[in-house]
Amino acid sequence: MKHRIAAASLAAGIAFAGSAYAQSTTYSGFYTVINYTGAFPDFKKVAGVSTPSYLDGVEANVGWRFNRFYTMEASYDYYSGSTHNTPGGPSFNTTLQQGSLDALGYLPLGYWRSWSLYGDIGGTWYSLSSNGVGALREDRWGGRAGGGVQFQIDDDLGVRLGGRYEWMNMRVLKSTEVFSVGLVWQR
C-alpha cells in the first residue's frame, strides 16, 4: 500500500511539473526565427534562357504569439542560384527576394506541449531579378501556404522544420516549393 501511495504521489508530481513546464514554453509575446531555406522553382520555358533548378536562401521572421495556438509573422526571404548556358559560357544568376505577412496556427502535441504542428498562410511580395543572358526584373504579389513542426527546447529556444508552396505566376516563374530549417528565439 505504501508503494502505491508513493507511486501515485510521484506520478502526480511529474504530471504537475510537466504541465507547469508546458505552460512556460507557450507564452504570448514577441519572437524571432532565423531559417536556412531552399527553394525548388517552377520556371516557365523561355527560349535561350537557362534557369537554376534550386535556389539557396535565408529567411528572417519576426512575430507575435497571441496564445499557444495563434501567431502573426512578418518575414523577409533572400534566395539566389546560378546556371551556365554552355560549358565555360556566361552564367545566368537569379535572385528572388520576398516579404510576407503570415498567419500561423499551432496544434500542441503530447502532454508537455514541447512539440507542435503548425500551419501557415499568407500574402507575399515577390521580386525576381537575373543578369547574364536573358536579364530581367519583375515584381508581383502572390501567396503561400504550408506547415511544419516546431520543438521548444526550453523557454527561450526552439527548432522549426517546415515546408510551403508559394505561387506568384510571373512571366518566367510560376511557383516554388520551399523547405526551411531554423531556430526560434522568444522574448
N, C-alpha and C. Protein backbone atom coordinates (compact mmCIF):
# COMPACT_ATOMS: atom_id res chain seq x y z
N MET A 1 0.81 -1.19 0.00
CA MET A 1 0.00 0.00 0.00
C MET A 1 0.86 1.26 0.00
N LYS A 2 1.94 1.26 0.78
CA LYS A 2 2.83 2.42 0.82
C LYS A 2 3.44 2.69 -0.54
N HIS A 3 3.78 1.60 -1.26
CA HIS A 3 4.39 1.77 -2.59
C HIS A 3 3.39 2.39 -3.58
N ARG A 4 2.13 2.01 -3.47
CA ARG A 4 1.11 2.57 -4.36
C ARG A 4 0.91 4.06 -4.09
N ILE A 5 0.87 4.43 -2.83
CA ILE A 5 0.72 5.85 -2.48
C ILE A 5 1.94 6.64 -2.94
N ALA A 6 3.13 6.08 -2.75
CA ALA A 6 4.36 6.75 -3.19
C ALA A 6 4.39 6.88 -4.70
N ALA A 7 3.99 5.81 -5.41
CA ALA A 7 3.96 5.85 -6.88
C ALA A 7 2.94 6.87 -7.38
N ALA A 8 1.76 6.92 -6.74
CA ALA A 8 0.74 7.89 -7.14
C ALA A 8 1.21 9.32 -6.87
N SER A 9 1.87 9.53 -5.75
CA SER A 9 2.41 10.86 -5.42
C SER A 9 3.48 11.27 -6.42
N LEU A 10 4.35 10.34 -6.77
CA LEU A 10 5.40 10.63 -7.75
C LEU A 10 4.80 10.95 -9.11
N ALA A 11 3.80 10.17 -9.54
CA ALA A 11 3.15 10.42 -10.83
C ALA A 11 2.45 11.78 -10.84
N ALA A 12 1.78 12.12 -9.75
CA ALA A 12 1.11 13.43 -9.67
C ALA A 12 2.13 14.56 -9.70
N GLY A 13 3.27 14.39 -9.03
CA GLY A 13 4.32 15.41 -9.05
C GLY A 13 4.90 15.60 -10.44
N ILE A 14 5.13 14.49 -11.14
CA ILE A 14 5.65 14.58 -12.52
C ILE A 14 4.63 15.25 -13.43
N ALA A 15 3.36 14.89 -13.31
CA ALA A 15 2.31 15.49 -14.13
C ALA A 15 2.20 16.99 -13.86
N PHE A 16 2.25 17.38 -12.59
CA PHE A 16 2.17 18.80 -12.23
C PHE A 16 3.37 19.56 -12.79
N ALA A 17 4.57 19.00 -12.65
CA ALA A 17 5.78 19.65 -13.17
C ALA A 17 5.72 19.74 -14.68
N GLY A 18 5.22 18.69 -15.32
CA GLY A 18 5.11 18.71 -16.77
C GLY A 18 4.14 19.75 -17.27
N SER A 19 2.99 19.89 -16.59
CA SER A 19 2.04 20.91 -17.02
C SER A 19 2.57 22.31 -16.76
N ALA A 20 3.31 22.52 -15.70
CA ALA A 20 3.93 23.83 -15.44
C ALA A 20 4.96 24.13 -16.51
N TYR A 21 5.74 23.12 -16.92
CA TYR A 21 6.72 23.32 -17.99
C TYR A 21 6.01 23.63 -19.30
N ALA A 22 4.90 22.93 -19.56
CA ALA A 22 4.16 23.15 -20.81
C ALA A 22 3.66 24.57 -20.90
N GLN A 23 3.17 25.13 -19.81
CA GLN A 23 2.66 26.48 -19.85
C GLN A 23 3.78 27.49 -20.08
N SER A 24 4.97 27.21 -19.59
CA SER A 24 6.05 28.18 -19.73
C SER A 24 6.64 28.20 -21.14
N THR A 25 6.48 27.12 -21.93
CA THR A 25 7.06 27.10 -23.26
C THR A 25 6.12 27.66 -24.32
N THR A 26 4.91 28.02 -23.98
CA THR A 26 3.97 28.55 -24.95
C THR A 26 3.39 29.87 -24.45
N TYR A 27 4.22 30.86 -24.30
CA TYR A 27 3.79 32.15 -23.77
C TYR A 27 3.32 33.06 -24.90
N SER A 28 2.67 34.14 -24.56
CA SER A 28 2.29 35.16 -25.52
C SER A 28 3.40 36.20 -25.58
N GLY A 29 3.71 36.69 -26.79
CA GLY A 29 4.69 37.73 -26.92
C GLY A 29 5.51 37.65 -28.19
N PHE A 30 6.58 38.42 -28.22
CA PHE A 30 7.44 38.59 -29.37
C PHE A 30 8.40 37.41 -29.54
N TYR A 31 8.68 37.04 -30.80
CA TYR A 31 9.67 36.01 -31.10
C TYR A 31 10.30 36.28 -32.46
N THR A 32 11.46 35.68 -32.70
CA THR A 32 12.14 35.77 -33.99
C THR A 32 12.52 34.36 -34.44
N VAL A 33 12.66 34.21 -35.76
CA VAL A 33 13.07 32.94 -36.35
C VAL A 33 14.10 33.24 -37.43
N ILE A 34 15.22 32.52 -37.41
CA ILE A 34 16.23 32.60 -38.47
C ILE A 34 16.29 31.23 -39.13
N ASN A 35 16.05 31.17 -40.45
CA ASN A 35 15.97 29.91 -41.19
C ASN A 35 17.00 29.83 -42.29
N TYR A 36 17.48 28.62 -42.54
CA TYR A 36 18.10 28.29 -43.83
C TYR A 36 16.95 27.79 -44.68
N THR A 37 16.83 28.28 -45.91
CA THR A 37 15.75 27.84 -46.79
C THR A 37 16.31 27.39 -48.13
N GLY A 38 15.63 26.48 -48.72
CA GLY A 38 15.93 26.02 -50.06
C GLY A 38 14.66 26.04 -50.87
N ALA A 39 14.76 26.41 -52.13
CA ALA A 39 13.57 26.51 -52.97
C ALA A 39 13.78 25.74 -54.27
N PHE A 40 12.74 25.05 -54.68
CA PHE A 40 12.71 24.36 -55.96
C PHE A 40 11.74 25.13 -56.85
N PRO A 41 12.28 26.03 -57.71
CA PRO A 41 11.42 26.89 -58.51
C PRO A 41 10.84 26.15 -59.72
N ASP A 42 9.65 26.57 -60.12
CA ASP A 42 8.99 26.07 -61.33
C ASP A 42 9.02 27.19 -62.37
N PHE A 43 10.14 27.26 -63.12
CA PHE A 43 10.30 28.30 -64.13
C PHE A 43 9.54 27.92 -65.39
N LYS A 44 9.00 28.93 -66.07
CA LYS A 44 8.40 28.72 -67.39
C LYS A 44 9.54 28.62 -68.40
N LYS A 45 9.32 27.90 -69.48
CA LYS A 45 10.33 27.75 -70.51
C LYS A 45 10.45 29.04 -71.31
N VAL A 46 11.68 29.59 -71.34
CA VAL A 46 11.97 30.81 -72.11
C VAL A 46 13.12 30.48 -73.04
N ALA A 47 12.96 30.74 -74.32
CA ALA A 47 13.98 30.40 -75.31
C ALA A 47 15.29 31.13 -75.01
N GLY A 48 16.39 30.39 -75.01
CA GLY A 48 17.72 30.97 -74.82
C GLY A 48 18.08 31.28 -73.39
N VAL A 49 17.23 30.92 -72.43
CA VAL A 49 17.49 31.22 -71.03
C VAL A 49 17.58 29.92 -70.24
N SER A 50 18.68 29.76 -69.55
CA SER A 50 18.87 28.61 -68.67
C SER A 50 18.57 29.05 -67.25
N THR A 51 17.74 28.29 -66.55
CA THR A 51 17.33 28.68 -65.21
C THR A 51 17.82 27.66 -64.18
N PRO A 52 18.11 28.09 -62.96
CA PRO A 52 18.56 27.16 -61.93
C PRO A 52 17.41 26.25 -61.47
N SER A 53 17.76 25.03 -61.10
CA SER A 53 16.75 24.10 -60.61
C SER A 53 16.61 24.18 -59.10
N TYR A 54 17.49 24.93 -58.44
CA TYR A 54 17.48 25.03 -56.99
C TYR A 54 18.00 26.40 -56.59
N LEU A 55 17.37 27.00 -55.56
CA LEU A 55 17.81 28.29 -55.04
C LEU A 55 18.12 28.13 -53.55
N ASP A 56 19.29 28.60 -53.11
CA ASP A 56 19.66 28.63 -51.69
C ASP A 56 19.18 29.94 -51.09
N GLY A 57 18.82 29.92 -49.82
CA GLY A 57 18.35 31.16 -49.24
C GLY A 57 18.41 31.21 -47.73
N VAL A 58 18.10 32.39 -47.23
CA VAL A 58 17.95 32.64 -45.80
C VAL A 58 16.62 33.35 -45.59
N GLU A 59 16.09 33.19 -44.39
CA GLU A 59 14.80 33.80 -44.06
C GLU A 59 14.88 34.32 -42.63
N ALA A 60 14.40 35.54 -42.44
CA ALA A 60 14.34 36.14 -41.11
C ALA A 60 12.88 36.50 -40.83
N ASN A 61 12.35 36.01 -39.72
CA ASN A 61 10.96 36.26 -39.35
C ASN A 61 10.90 36.95 -38.00
N VAL A 62 9.92 37.80 -37.83
CA VAL A 62 9.56 38.35 -36.52
C VAL A 62 8.07 38.13 -36.36
N GLY A 63 7.67 37.80 -35.14
CA GLY A 63 6.26 37.50 -34.95
C GLY A 63 5.76 37.85 -33.58
N TRP A 64 4.45 37.80 -33.45
CA TRP A 64 3.80 38.00 -32.17
C TRP A 64 2.89 36.81 -31.93
N ARG A 65 3.15 36.13 -30.82
CA ARG A 65 2.35 34.96 -30.45
C ARG A 65 1.24 35.43 -29.52
N PHE A 66 -0.02 35.28 -29.95
CA PHE A 66 -1.16 35.72 -29.16
C PHE A 66 -1.45 34.75 -28.01
N ASN A 67 -1.34 33.46 -28.29
CA ASN A 67 -1.50 32.41 -27.30
C ASN A 67 -0.81 31.16 -27.86
N ARG A 68 -1.04 30.02 -27.28
CA ARG A 68 -0.30 28.85 -27.74
C ARG A 68 -0.81 28.32 -29.07
N PHE A 69 -1.91 28.88 -29.59
CA PHE A 69 -2.49 28.39 -30.83
C PHE A 69 -2.32 29.32 -32.04
N TYR A 70 -2.16 30.63 -31.85
CA TYR A 70 -2.16 31.57 -32.97
C TYR A 70 -1.01 32.58 -32.90
N THR A 71 -0.42 32.87 -34.08
CA THR A 71 0.60 33.91 -34.20
C THR A 71 0.43 34.64 -35.52
N MET A 72 1.01 35.82 -35.59
CA MET A 72 1.18 36.57 -36.85
C MET A 72 2.68 36.76 -37.03
N GLU A 73 3.13 36.62 -38.28
CA GLU A 73 4.56 36.66 -38.55
C GLU A 73 4.84 37.48 -39.80
N ALA A 74 5.85 38.32 -39.77
CA ALA A 74 6.34 39.03 -40.94
C ALA A 74 7.71 38.45 -41.27
N SER A 75 7.99 38.27 -42.56
CA SER A 75 9.27 37.65 -42.91
C SER A 75 9.88 38.29 -44.15
N TYR A 76 11.20 38.16 -44.23
CA TYR A 76 11.97 38.56 -45.40
C TYR A 76 12.81 37.35 -45.83
N ASP A 77 12.74 37.01 -47.11
CA ASP A 77 13.48 35.87 -47.66
C ASP A 77 14.38 36.35 -48.79
N TYR A 78 15.56 35.75 -48.88
CA TYR A 78 16.50 36.06 -49.95
C TYR A 78 17.04 34.75 -50.51
N TYR A 79 16.82 34.52 -51.81
CA TYR A 79 17.29 33.30 -52.49
C TYR A 79 18.19 33.67 -53.65
N SER A 80 19.15 32.81 -53.95
CA SER A 80 19.98 33.02 -55.13
C SER A 80 20.37 31.67 -55.72
N GLY A 81 20.64 31.67 -57.01
CA GLY A 81 21.08 30.47 -57.71
C GLY A 81 21.66 30.87 -59.05
N SER A 82 22.47 29.99 -59.64
CA SER A 82 23.06 30.31 -60.94
C SER A 82 23.20 29.04 -61.78
N THR A 83 23.23 29.24 -63.09
CA THR A 83 23.46 28.16 -64.05
C THR A 83 24.35 28.68 -65.16
N HIS A 84 24.85 27.79 -65.98
CA HIS A 84 25.64 28.14 -67.16
C HIS A 84 24.88 27.66 -68.39
N ASN A 85 24.76 28.54 -69.40
CA ASN A 85 24.08 28.15 -70.63
C ASN A 85 24.87 27.11 -71.39
N THR A 86 26.16 27.29 -71.47
CA THR A 86 27.03 26.34 -72.14
C THR A 86 28.26 26.15 -71.27
N PRO A 87 28.94 25.00 -71.38
CA PRO A 87 30.16 24.83 -70.59
C PRO A 87 31.16 25.93 -70.89
N GLY A 88 31.59 26.63 -69.85
CA GLY A 88 32.54 27.73 -70.00
C GLY A 88 31.92 29.02 -70.49
N GLY A 89 30.60 29.00 -70.74
CA GLY A 89 29.93 30.19 -71.24
C GLY A 89 29.48 31.10 -70.11
N PRO A 90 28.71 32.14 -70.46
CA PRO A 90 28.25 33.08 -69.43
C PRO A 90 27.27 32.41 -68.47
N SER A 91 27.28 32.89 -67.24
CA SER A 91 26.37 32.33 -66.25
C SER A 91 25.09 33.15 -66.17
N PHE A 92 24.05 32.53 -65.71
CA PHE A 92 22.75 33.15 -65.52
C PHE A 92 22.49 33.16 -64.02
N ASN A 93 22.53 34.30 -63.38
CA ASN A 93 22.35 34.42 -61.93
C ASN A 93 20.93 34.90 -61.62
N THR A 94 20.27 34.19 -60.74
CA THR A 94 18.90 34.51 -60.36
C THR A 94 18.84 34.87 -58.89
N THR A 95 18.11 35.94 -58.58
CA THR A 95 17.88 36.36 -57.20
C THR A 95 16.38 36.52 -57.01
N LEU A 96 15.85 35.90 -55.96
CA LEU A 96 14.45 36.04 -55.61
C LEU A 96 14.39 36.57 -54.18
N GLN A 97 13.73 37.71 -54.01
CA GLN A 97 13.54 38.30 -52.69
C GLN A 97 12.04 38.38 -52.44
N GLN A 98 11.67 38.25 -51.18
CA GLN A 98 10.25 38.34 -50.87
C GLN A 98 10.03 38.83 -49.44
N GLY A 99 8.94 39.53 -49.27
CA GLY A 99 8.49 39.96 -47.96
C GLY A 99 7.06 39.50 -47.79
N SER A 100 6.73 38.95 -46.62
CA SER A 100 5.39 38.39 -46.46
C SER A 100 4.83 38.65 -45.07
N LEU A 101 3.54 38.51 -44.97
CA LEU A 101 2.82 38.57 -43.71
C LEU A 101 1.98 37.30 -43.64
N ASP A 102 2.20 36.49 -42.60
CA ASP A 102 1.57 35.18 -42.48
C ASP A 102 0.79 35.06 -41.17
N ALA A 103 -0.27 34.27 -41.21
CA ALA A 103 -0.99 33.84 -40.01
C ALA A 103 -0.64 32.38 -39.77
N LEU A 104 -0.24 32.04 -38.54
CA LEU A 104 0.13 30.68 -38.20
C LEU A 104 -0.80 30.14 -37.13
N GLY A 105 -1.14 28.87 -37.27
CA GLY A 105 -1.93 28.17 -36.26
C GLY A 105 -1.14 26.98 -35.76
N TYR A 106 -1.11 26.78 -34.44
CA TYR A 106 -0.34 25.70 -33.82
C TYR A 106 -1.27 24.65 -33.22
N LEU A 107 -0.84 23.40 -33.29
CA LEU A 107 -1.51 22.29 -32.63
C LEU A 107 -0.50 21.61 -31.73
N PRO A 108 -0.51 21.91 -30.42
CA PRO A 108 0.45 21.27 -29.50
C PRO A 108 0.24 19.76 -29.47
N LEU A 109 1.35 19.02 -29.45
CA LEU A 109 1.31 17.56 -29.41
C LEU A 109 1.79 17.07 -28.06
N GLY A 110 1.15 16.07 -27.53
CA GLY A 110 1.63 15.47 -26.30
C GLY A 110 1.28 16.26 -25.07
N TYR A 111 1.54 15.65 -23.95
CA TYR A 111 1.18 16.25 -22.67
C TYR A 111 2.00 17.50 -22.35
N TRP A 112 3.30 17.48 -22.65
CA TRP A 112 4.17 18.60 -22.27
C TRP A 112 4.14 19.73 -23.27
N ARG A 113 3.60 19.52 -24.43
CA ARG A 113 3.43 20.55 -25.47
C ARG A 113 4.74 21.16 -25.95
N SER A 114 5.84 20.44 -25.83
CA SER A 114 7.09 20.94 -26.40
C SER A 114 7.07 20.81 -27.91
N TRP A 115 6.37 19.82 -28.41
CA TRP A 115 6.21 19.60 -29.85
C TRP A 115 4.90 20.21 -30.31
N SER A 116 4.94 20.88 -31.47
CA SER A 116 3.72 21.44 -32.05
C SER A 116 3.77 21.29 -33.56
N LEU A 117 2.64 20.96 -34.14
CA LEU A 117 2.47 21.07 -35.59
C LEU A 117 1.99 22.49 -35.85
N TYR A 118 2.35 23.04 -37.01
CA TYR A 118 1.83 24.36 -37.34
C TYR A 118 1.47 24.42 -38.82
N GLY A 119 0.55 25.30 -39.12
CA GLY A 119 0.17 25.59 -40.50
C GLY A 119 0.23 27.09 -40.70
N ASP A 120 0.60 27.51 -41.92
CA ASP A 120 0.64 28.96 -42.17
C ASP A 120 0.08 29.28 -43.54
N ILE A 121 -0.46 30.48 -43.65
CA ILE A 121 -0.97 31.00 -44.90
C ILE A 121 -0.70 32.50 -44.90
N GLY A 122 -0.33 33.04 -46.07
CA GLY A 122 -0.01 34.46 -46.09
C GLY A 122 0.07 35.05 -47.48
N GLY A 123 0.18 36.37 -47.51
CA GLY A 123 0.38 37.12 -48.74
C GLY A 123 1.82 37.56 -48.84
N THR A 124 2.36 37.59 -50.08
CA THR A 124 3.78 37.84 -50.26
C THR A 124 4.04 38.75 -51.46
N TRP A 125 5.02 39.63 -51.32
CA TRP A 125 5.52 40.46 -52.43
C TRP A 125 6.80 39.82 -52.92
N TYR A 126 6.85 39.43 -54.19
CA TYR A 126 8.00 38.76 -54.80
C TYR A 126 8.73 39.72 -55.71
N SER A 127 10.06 39.64 -55.68
CA SER A 127 10.91 40.42 -56.58
C SER A 127 11.95 39.48 -57.17
N LEU A 128 11.86 39.23 -58.46
CA LEU A 128 12.77 38.33 -59.17
C LEU A 128 13.67 39.15 -60.08
N SER A 129 14.96 38.89 -60.03
CA SER A 129 15.89 39.56 -60.94
C SER A 129 16.94 38.56 -61.39
N SER A 130 17.48 38.81 -62.59
CA SER A 130 18.54 37.97 -63.12
C SER A 130 19.43 38.81 -64.00
N ASN A 131 20.68 38.36 -64.11
CA ASN A 131 21.60 39.01 -65.02
C ASN A 131 22.20 37.95 -65.92
N GLY A 132 22.98 38.35 -66.88
CA GLY A 132 23.51 37.40 -67.85
C GLY A 132 22.57 37.33 -69.04
N VAL A 133 22.58 36.20 -69.72
CA VAL A 133 21.71 36.01 -70.88
C VAL A 133 20.26 36.02 -70.42
N GLY A 134 19.42 36.80 -71.05
CA GLY A 134 18.02 36.89 -70.67
C GLY A 134 17.78 37.68 -69.41
N ALA A 135 18.50 38.81 -69.21
CA ALA A 135 18.34 39.61 -68.00
C ALA A 135 16.90 40.09 -67.86
N LEU A 136 16.40 40.06 -66.65
CA LEU A 136 15.03 40.50 -66.40
C LEU A 136 14.88 40.96 -64.96
N ARG A 137 13.78 41.68 -64.72
CA ARG A 137 13.41 42.09 -63.37
C ARG A 137 11.89 42.15 -63.35
N GLU A 138 11.31 41.55 -62.32
CA GLU A 138 9.86 41.55 -62.22
C GLU A 138 9.44 41.50 -60.76
N ASP A 139 8.38 42.24 -60.43
CA ASP A 139 7.80 42.24 -59.09
C ASP A 139 6.33 41.85 -59.19
N ARG A 140 5.87 41.09 -58.21
CA ARG A 140 4.47 40.66 -58.25
C ARG A 140 4.01 40.19 -56.87
N TRP A 141 2.71 40.39 -56.62
CA TRP A 141 2.07 39.85 -55.41
C TRP A 141 1.74 38.40 -55.64
N GLY A 142 1.77 37.63 -54.57
CA GLY A 142 1.40 36.22 -54.62
C GLY A 142 1.01 35.75 -53.24
N GLY A 143 0.98 34.46 -53.08
CA GLY A 143 0.60 33.91 -51.80
C GLY A 143 1.40 32.67 -51.47
N ARG A 144 1.23 32.18 -50.26
CA ARG A 144 1.92 30.97 -49.85
C ARG A 144 1.14 30.28 -48.74
N ALA A 145 1.31 28.96 -48.69
CA ALA A 145 0.67 28.15 -47.66
C ALA A 145 1.59 26.97 -47.36
N GLY A 146 1.62 26.57 -46.12
CA GLY A 146 2.48 25.45 -45.75
C GLY A 146 2.28 25.03 -44.32
N GLY A 147 3.27 24.32 -43.80
CA GLY A 147 3.19 23.85 -42.43
C GLY A 147 4.48 23.18 -42.02
N GLY A 148 4.49 22.65 -40.81
CA GLY A 148 5.68 22.00 -40.32
C GLY A 148 5.54 21.60 -38.87
N VAL A 149 6.69 21.43 -38.23
CA VAL A 149 6.73 21.03 -36.83
C VAL A 149 7.72 21.92 -36.09
N GLN A 150 7.41 22.25 -34.85
CA GLN A 150 8.29 23.07 -34.03
C GLN A 150 8.50 22.36 -32.69
N PHE A 151 9.74 22.39 -32.20
CA PHE A 151 10.08 21.80 -30.91
C PHE A 151 10.71 22.88 -30.04
N GLN A 152 10.13 23.12 -28.87
CA GLN A 152 10.69 24.08 -27.92
C GLN A 152 11.68 23.36 -27.01
N ILE A 153 12.95 23.71 -27.12
CA ILE A 153 13.99 23.11 -26.30
C ILE A 153 13.87 23.59 -24.85
N ASP A 154 13.67 24.89 -24.69
CA ASP A 154 13.41 25.48 -23.38
C ASP A 154 12.53 26.70 -23.57
N ASP A 155 12.41 27.53 -22.55
CA ASP A 155 11.52 28.69 -22.64
C ASP A 155 11.89 29.67 -23.75
N ASP A 156 13.17 29.79 -24.06
CA ASP A 156 13.63 30.80 -25.00
C ASP A 156 14.01 30.28 -26.38
N LEU A 157 14.35 29.01 -26.51
CA LEU A 157 14.92 28.49 -27.75
C LEU A 157 14.12 27.31 -28.27
N GLY A 158 13.88 27.33 -29.59
CA GLY A 158 13.17 26.24 -30.24
C GLY A 158 13.77 25.96 -31.60
N VAL A 159 13.34 24.87 -32.21
CA VAL A 159 13.77 24.47 -33.55
C VAL A 159 12.52 24.29 -34.40
N ARG A 160 12.58 24.76 -35.64
CA ARG A 160 11.43 24.68 -36.54
C ARG A 160 11.85 24.04 -37.85
N LEU A 161 11.02 23.14 -38.37
CA LEU A 161 11.23 22.48 -39.66
C LEU A 161 9.92 22.63 -40.43
N GLY A 162 10.00 23.17 -41.64
CA GLY A 162 8.76 23.41 -42.37
C GLY A 162 8.91 23.33 -43.87
N GLY A 163 7.78 23.34 -44.53
CA GLY A 163 7.71 23.36 -45.98
C GLY A 163 6.50 24.16 -46.40
N ARG A 164 6.57 24.73 -47.59
CA ARG A 164 5.41 25.50 -48.07
C ARG A 164 5.43 25.58 -49.59
N TYR A 165 4.30 25.92 -50.13
CA TYR A 165 4.13 26.13 -51.56
C TYR A 165 3.85 27.60 -51.77
N GLU A 166 4.56 28.23 -52.70
CA GLU A 166 4.39 29.65 -52.99
C GLU A 166 4.01 29.82 -54.45
N TRP A 167 3.00 30.64 -54.71
CA TRP A 167 2.59 30.88 -56.09
C TRP A 167 2.65 32.37 -56.37
N MET A 168 3.20 32.70 -57.57
CA MET A 168 3.33 34.10 -57.94
C MET A 168 3.01 34.36 -59.41
N ASN A 169 3.07 33.37 -60.27
CA ASN A 169 2.73 33.46 -61.69
C ASN A 169 3.36 34.67 -62.39
N MET A 170 4.68 34.78 -62.32
CA MET A 170 5.42 35.82 -63.03
C MET A 170 5.62 35.39 -64.50
N ARG A 171 6.25 36.24 -65.29
CA ARG A 171 6.49 35.91 -66.70
C ARG A 171 7.34 34.66 -66.85
N VAL A 172 8.35 34.49 -65.98
CA VAL A 172 9.25 33.33 -66.11
C VAL A 172 9.17 32.36 -64.93
N LEU A 173 8.51 32.73 -63.86
CA LEU A 173 8.44 31.88 -62.67
C LEU A 173 6.99 31.71 -62.23
N LYS A 174 6.53 30.44 -62.19
CA LYS A 174 5.15 30.16 -61.80
C LYS A 174 5.01 30.02 -60.30
N SER A 175 5.89 29.20 -59.70
CA SER A 175 5.74 28.89 -58.28
C SER A 175 7.05 28.31 -57.75
N THR A 176 7.11 28.11 -56.44
CA THR A 176 8.25 27.45 -55.80
C THR A 176 7.75 26.56 -54.67
N GLU A 177 8.49 25.49 -54.45
CA GLU A 177 8.30 24.66 -53.27
C GLU A 177 9.49 24.95 -52.37
N VAL A 178 9.25 25.30 -51.12
CA VAL A 178 10.30 25.76 -50.21
C VAL A 178 10.34 24.87 -48.98
N PHE A 179 11.54 24.55 -48.52
CA PHE A 179 11.71 23.90 -47.22
C PHE A 179 12.59 24.80 -46.38
N SER A 180 12.42 24.72 -45.06
CA SER A 180 13.20 25.57 -44.16
C SER A 180 13.52 24.84 -42.86
N VAL A 181 14.68 25.16 -42.32
CA VAL A 181 15.14 24.66 -41.03
C VAL A 181 15.64 25.87 -40.27
N GLY A 182 15.15 26.09 -39.04
CA GLY A 182 15.56 27.29 -38.34
C GLY A 182 15.49 27.22 -36.83
N LEU A 183 16.00 28.29 -36.23
CA LEU A 183 15.99 28.46 -34.78
C LEU A 183 14.96 29.51 -34.39
N VAL A 184 14.19 29.24 -33.36
CA VAL A 184 13.18 30.16 -32.85
C VAL A 184 13.71 30.71 -31.52
N TRP A 185 13.68 32.03 -31.40
CA TRP A 185 14.10 32.66 -30.15
C TRP A 185 12.96 33.52 -29.66
N GLN A 186 12.53 33.30 -28.42
CA GLN A 186 11.42 34.02 -27.83
C GLN A 186 11.92 34.98 -26.76
N ARG A 187 11.23 36.07 -26.60
CA ARG A 187 11.46 37.10 -25.58
C ARG A 187 12.38 38.13 -26.02
